[in-house]
């Protein structure tokens, strides 16, 4: 997420929120030490692609 320009904007339980300087936001579930699930990776790709249009 950091490589894509996102920064952490807080955690609640096992959910992590990220924001991008252009206003995009995304929430990922799971602990920071866990790998993202494939559906989460697709969601991140979709948000990043949407932000570049």
PDB file of N, CA and C in Angstrom:
ATOM      1  N   UNK A   1       0.818  -1.173   0.000  1.00  0.00           N
ATOM      2  CA  UNK A   1       0.000   0.000   0.000  1.00  0.00           C
ATOM      3  C   UNK A   1       0.875   1.254   0.000  1.00  0.00           C
ATOM      4  N   UNK A   2       1.952   1.208   0.738  1.00  0.00           N
ATOM      5  CA  UNK A   2       2.831   2.380   0.789  1.00  0.00           C
ATOM      6  C   UNK A   2       3.438   2.665  -0.577  1.00  0.00           C
ATOM      7  N   UNK A   3       3.800   1.604  -1.325  1.00  0.00           N
ATOM      8  CA  UNK A   3       4.363   1.799  -2.660  1.00  0.00           C
ATOM      9  C   UNK A   3       3.377   2.482  -3.596  1.00  0.00           C
ATOM     10  N   UNK A   4       2.082   2.257  -3.370  1.00  0.00           N
ATOM     11  CA  UNK A   4       1.042   2.869  -4.207  1.00  0.00           C
ATOM     12  C   UNK A   4       0.677   4.270  -3.727  1.00  0.00           C
ATOM     13  N   UNK A   5       1.293   4.747  -2.653  1.00  0.00           N
ATOM     14  CA  UNK A   5       1.062   6.097  -2.168  1.00  0.00           C
ATOM     15  C   UNK A   5       0.049   6.208  -1.045  1.00  0.00           C
ATOM     16  N   UNK A   6      -0.454   5.084  -0.557  1.00  0.00           N
ATOM     17  CA  UNK A   6      -1.436   5.107   0.522  1.00  0.00           C
ATOM     18  C   UNK A   6      -0.734   5.245   1.863  1.00  0.00           C
ATOM     19  N   UNK A   7      -1.438   5.852   2.818  1.00  0.00           N
ATOM     20  CA  UNK A   7      -0.933   5.921   4.177  1.00  0.00           C
ATOM     21  C   UNK A   7      -2.001   5.387   5.113  1.00  0.00           C
ATOM     22  N   UNK A   8      -1.567   4.808   6.216  1.00  0.00           N
ATOM     23  CA  UNK A   8      -2.501   4.263   7.186  1.00  0.00           C
ATOM     24  C   UNK A   8      -3.246   5.387   7.892  1.00  0.00           C
ATOM     25  N   UNK A   9      -4.557   5.217   8.014  1.00  0.00           N
ATOM     26  CA  UNK A   9      -5.339   6.262   8.683  1.00  0.00           C
ATOM     27  C   UNK A   9      -6.080   5.704   9.886  1.00  0.00           C
ATOM     28  N   UNK A  10      -5.578   4.606  10.417  1.00  0.00           N
ATOM     29  CA  UNK A  10      -6.171   4.078  11.636  1.00  0.00           C
ATOM     30  C   UNK A  10      -6.560   2.620  11.528  1.00  0.00           C
ATOM     31  N   UNK A  11      -6.739   2.009  12.665  1.00  0.00           N
ATOM     32  CA  UNK A  11      -7.122   0.607  12.751  1.00  0.00           C
ATOM     33  C   UNK A  11      -8.273   0.481  13.726  1.00  0.00           C
ATOM     34  N   UNK A  12      -9.119  -0.497  13.475  1.00  0.00           N
ATOM     35  CA  UNK A  12     -10.176  -0.828  14.415  1.00  0.00           C
ATOM     36  C   UNK A  12     -10.298  -2.339  14.397  1.00  0.00           C
ATOM     37  N   UNK A  13      -9.898  -2.969  15.479  1.00  0.00           N
ATOM     38  CA  UNK A  13      -9.907  -4.430  15.508  1.00  0.00           C
ATOM     39  C   UNK A  13      -8.936  -4.974  14.485  1.00  0.00           C
ATOM     40  N   UNK A  14      -9.430  -5.821  13.606  1.00  0.00           N
ATOM     41  CA  UNK A  14      -8.559  -6.407  12.588  1.00  0.00           C
ATOM     42  C   UNK A  14      -8.734  -5.715  11.240  1.00  0.00           C
ATOM     43  N   UNK A  15      -9.281  -4.504  11.218  1.00  0.00           N
ATOM     44  CA  UNK A  15      -9.448  -3.757   9.980  1.00  0.00           C
ATOM     45  C   UNK A  15      -8.491  -2.573   9.960  1.00  0.00           C
ATOM     46  N   UNK A  16      -7.889  -2.367   8.783  1.00  0.00           N
ATOM     47  CA  UNK A  16      -6.953  -1.260   8.608  1.00  0.00           C
ATOM     48  C   UNK A  16      -7.471  -0.342   7.507  1.00  0.00           C
ATOM     49  N   UNK A  17      -7.468   0.939   7.774  1.00  0.00           N
ATOM     50  CA  UNK A  17      -7.931   1.931   6.813  1.00  0.00           C
ATOM     51  C   UNK A  17      -6.734   2.627   6.190  1.00  0.00           C
ATOM     52  N   UNK A  18      -6.830   2.856   4.880  1.00  0.00           N
ATOM     53  CA  UNK A  18      -5.774   3.537   4.155  1.00  0.00           C
ATOM     54  C   UNK A  18      -6.383   4.654   3.322  1.00  0.00           C
ATOM     55  N   UNK A  19      -5.662   5.754   3.211  1.00  0.00           N
ATOM     56  CA  UNK A  19      -6.094   6.858   2.360  1.00  0.00           C
ATOM     57  C   UNK A  19      -4.957   7.232   1.420  1.00  0.00           C
ATOM     58  N   UNK A  20      -5.334   7.775   0.287  1.00  0.00           N
ATOM     59  CA  UNK A  20      -4.385   8.210  -0.729  1.00  0.00           C
ATOM     60  C   UNK A  20      -4.488   9.728  -0.821  1.00  0.00           C
ATOM     61  N   UNK A  21      -3.416  10.422  -1.149  1.00  0.00           N
ATOM     62  CA  UNK A  21      -3.469  11.884  -1.225  1.00  0.00           C
ATOM     63  C   UNK A  21      -4.554  12.423  -2.172  1.00  0.00           C
ATOM     64  N   UNK A  22      -4.960  11.639  -3.182  1.00  0.00           N
ATOM     65  CA  UNK A  22      -5.994  12.122  -4.101  1.00  0.00           C
ATOM     66  C   UNK A  22      -7.411  11.841  -3.588  1.00  0.00           C
ATOM     67  N   UNK A  23      -7.543  11.331  -2.349  1.00  0.00           N
ATOM     68  CA  UNK A  23      -8.840  11.147  -1.739  1.00  0.00           C
ATOM     69  C   UNK A  23      -9.368   9.718  -1.732  1.00  0.00           C
ATOM     70  N   UNK A  24      -8.697   8.796  -2.396  1.00  0.00           N
ATOM     71  CA  UNK A  24      -9.148   7.410  -2.398  1.00  0.00           C
ATOM     72  C   UNK A  24      -8.998   6.817  -1.011  1.00  0.00           C
ATOM     73  N   UNK A  25      -9.969   5.980  -0.629  1.00  0.00           N
ATOM     74  CA  UNK A  25      -9.927   5.302   0.661  1.00  0.00           C
ATOM     75  C   UNK A  25     -10.209   3.826   0.454  1.00  0.00           C
ATOM     76  N   UNK A  26      -9.595   2.987   1.283  1.00  0.00           N
ATOM     77  CA  UNK A  26      -9.850   1.551   1.224  1.00  0.00           C
ATOM     78  C   UNK A  26      -9.639   0.972   2.623  1.00  0.00           C
ATOM     79  N   UNK A  27     -10.427  -0.051   2.945  1.00  0.00           N
ATOM     80  CA  UNK A  27     -10.320  -0.749   4.216  1.00  0.00           C
ATOM     81  C   UNK A  27      -9.975  -2.198   3.937  1.00  0.00           C
ATOM     82  N   UNK A  28      -8.959  -2.709   4.611  1.00  0.00           N
ATOM     83  CA  UNK A  28      -8.563  -4.106   4.481  1.00  0.00           C
ATOM     84  C   UNK A  28      -8.749  -4.806   5.813  1.00  0.00           C
ATOM     85  N   UNK A  29      -9.236  -6.031   5.749  1.00  0.00           N
ATOM     86  CA  UNK A  29      -9.386  -6.809   6.975  1.00  0.00           C
ATOM     87  C   UNK A  29      -8.158  -7.683   7.169  1.00  0.00           C
ATOM     88  N   UNK A  30      -7.983  -8.164   8.376  1.00  0.00           N
ATOM     89  CA  UNK A  30      -6.840  -9.010   8.692  1.00  0.00           C
ATOM     90  C   UNK A  30      -5.791  -8.237   9.452  1.00  0.00           C
ATOM     91  N   UNK A  31      -4.952  -8.958  10.122  1.00  0.00           N
ATOM     92  CA  UNK A  31      -3.881  -8.336  10.887  1.00  0.00           C
ATOM     93  C   UNK A  31      -2.745  -7.920   9.963  1.00  0.00           C
ATOM     94  N   UNK A  32      -1.966  -6.908  10.352  1.00  0.00           N
ATOM     95  CA  UNK A  32      -0.875  -6.435   9.502  1.00  0.00           C
ATOM     96  C   UNK A  32       0.135  -7.515   9.115  1.00  0.00           C
ATOM     97  N   UNK A  33       0.288  -8.527   9.949  1.00  0.00           N
ATOM     98  CA  UNK A  33       1.260  -9.575   9.639  1.00  0.00           C
ATOM     99  C   UNK A  33       0.730 -10.590   8.627  1.00  0.00           C
ATOM    100  N   UNK A  34      -0.562 -10.528   8.305  1.00  0.00           N
ATOM    101  CA  UNK A  34      -1.152 -11.469   7.357  1.00  0.00           C
ATOM    102  C   UNK A  34      -1.088 -10.915   5.937  1.00  0.00           C
ATOM    103  N   UNK A  35      -0.977 -11.818   4.959  1.00  0.00           N
ATOM    104  CA  UNK A  35      -1.057 -11.416   3.564  1.00  0.00           C
ATOM    105  C   UNK A  35      -2.502 -11.089   3.231  1.00  0.00           C
ATOM    106  N   UNK A  36      -2.671 -10.182   2.279  1.00  0.00           N
ATOM    107  CA  UNK A  36      -4.022  -9.832   1.831  1.00  0.00           C
ATOM    108  C   UNK A  36      -4.614 -11.002   1.051  1.00  0.00           C
ATOM    109  N   UNK A  37      -5.911 -11.149   1.151  1.00  0.00           N
ATOM    110  CA  UNK A  37      -6.623 -12.159   0.370  1.00  0.00           C
ATOM    111  C   UNK A  37      -6.689 -11.679  -1.078  1.00  0.00           C
ATOM    112  N   UNK A  38      -6.883 -12.609  -2.007  1.00  0.00           N
ATOM    113  CA  UNK A  38      -6.889 -12.248  -3.431  1.00  0.00           C
ATOM    114  C   UNK A  38      -7.989 -11.230  -3.753  1.00  0.00           C
ATOM    115  N   UNK A  39      -9.184 -11.391  -3.141  1.00  0.00           N
ATOM    116  CA  UNK A  39     -10.248 -10.425  -3.423  1.00  0.00           C
ATOM    117  C   UNK A  39      -9.873  -9.033  -2.921  1.00  0.00           C
ATOM    118  N   UNK A  40      -9.082  -8.951  -1.853  1.00  0.00           N
ATOM    119  CA  UNK A  40      -8.630  -7.652  -1.362  1.00  0.00           C
ATOM    120  C   UNK A  40      -7.615  -7.045  -2.322  1.00  0.00           C
ATOM    121  N   UNK A  41      -6.743  -7.888  -2.870  1.00  0.00           N
ATOM    122  CA  UNK A  41      -5.768  -7.396  -3.852  1.00  0.00           C
ATOM    123  C   UNK A  41      -6.488  -6.830  -5.070  1.00  0.00           C
ATOM    124  N   UNK A  42      -7.535  -7.519  -5.535  1.00  0.00           N
ATOM    125  CA  UNK A  42      -8.304  -7.026  -6.686  1.00  0.00           C
ATOM    126  C   UNK A  42      -8.971  -5.694  -6.366  1.00  0.00           C
ATOM    127  N   UNK A  43      -9.495  -5.558  -5.153  1.00  0.00           N
ATOM    128  CA  UNK A  43     -10.142  -4.309  -4.748  1.00  0.00           C
ATOM    129  C   UNK A  43      -9.142  -3.157  -4.735  1.00  0.00           C
ATOM    130  N   UNK A  44      -7.937  -3.413  -4.224  1.00  0.00           N
ATOM    131  CA  UNK A  44      -6.890  -2.382  -4.217  1.00  0.00           C
ATOM    132  C   UNK A  44      -6.537  -1.998  -5.650  1.00  0.00           C
ATOM    133  N   UNK A  45      -6.380  -2.987  -6.527  1.00  0.00           N
ATOM    134  CA  UNK A  45      -6.070  -2.707  -7.929  1.00  0.00           C
ATOM    135  C   UNK A  45      -7.165  -1.870  -8.568  1.00  0.00           C
ATOM    136  N   UNK A  46      -8.424  -2.183  -8.258  1.00  0.00           N
ATOM    137  CA  UNK A  46      -9.558  -1.444  -8.812  1.00  0.00           C
ATOM    138  C   UNK A  46      -9.543   0.007  -8.341  1.00  0.00           C
ATOM    139  N   UNK A  47      -9.290   0.218  -7.050  1.00  0.00           N
ATOM    140  CA  UNK A  47      -9.258   1.577  -6.504  1.00  0.00           C
ATOM    141  C   UNK A  47      -8.117   2.382  -7.122  1.00  0.00           C
ATOM    142  N   UNK A  48      -6.959   1.748  -7.256  1.00  0.00           N
ATOM    143  CA  UNK A  48      -5.806   2.442  -7.848  1.00  0.00           C
ATOM    144  C   UNK A  48      -6.089   2.773  -9.295  1.00  0.00           C
ATOM    145  N   UNK A  49      -6.658   1.836 -10.048  1.00  0.00           N
ATOM    146  CA  UNK A  49      -6.967   2.068 -11.459  1.00  0.00           C
ATOM    147  C   UNK A  49      -8.002   3.183 -11.602  1.00  0.00           C
ATOM    148  N   UNK A  50      -9.023   3.176 -10.745  1.00  0.00           N
ATOM    149  CA  UNK A  50     -10.070   4.205 -10.773  1.00  0.00           C
ATOM    150  C   UNK A  50      -9.474   5.577 -10.504  1.00  0.00           C
ATOM    151  N   UNK A  51      -8.495   5.628  -9.622  1.00  0.00           N
ATOM    152  CA  UNK A  51      -7.873   6.906  -9.278  1.00  0.00           C
ATOM    153  C   UNK A  51      -6.985   7.475 -10.372  1.00  0.00           C
ATOM    154  N   UNK A  52      -6.565   6.645 -11.323  1.00  0.00           N
ATOM    155  CA  UNK A  52      -5.704   7.131 -12.404  1.00  0.00           C
ATOM    156  C   UNK A  52      -6.499   7.534 -13.637  1.00  0.00           C
ATOM    157  N   UNK A  53      -7.813   7.340 -13.609  1.00  0.00           N
ATOM    158  CA  UNK A  53      -8.640   7.714 -14.773  1.00  0.00           C
ATOM    159  C   UNK A  53      -8.952   9.176 -14.759  1.00  0.00           C
TER     160      UNK A  53
END
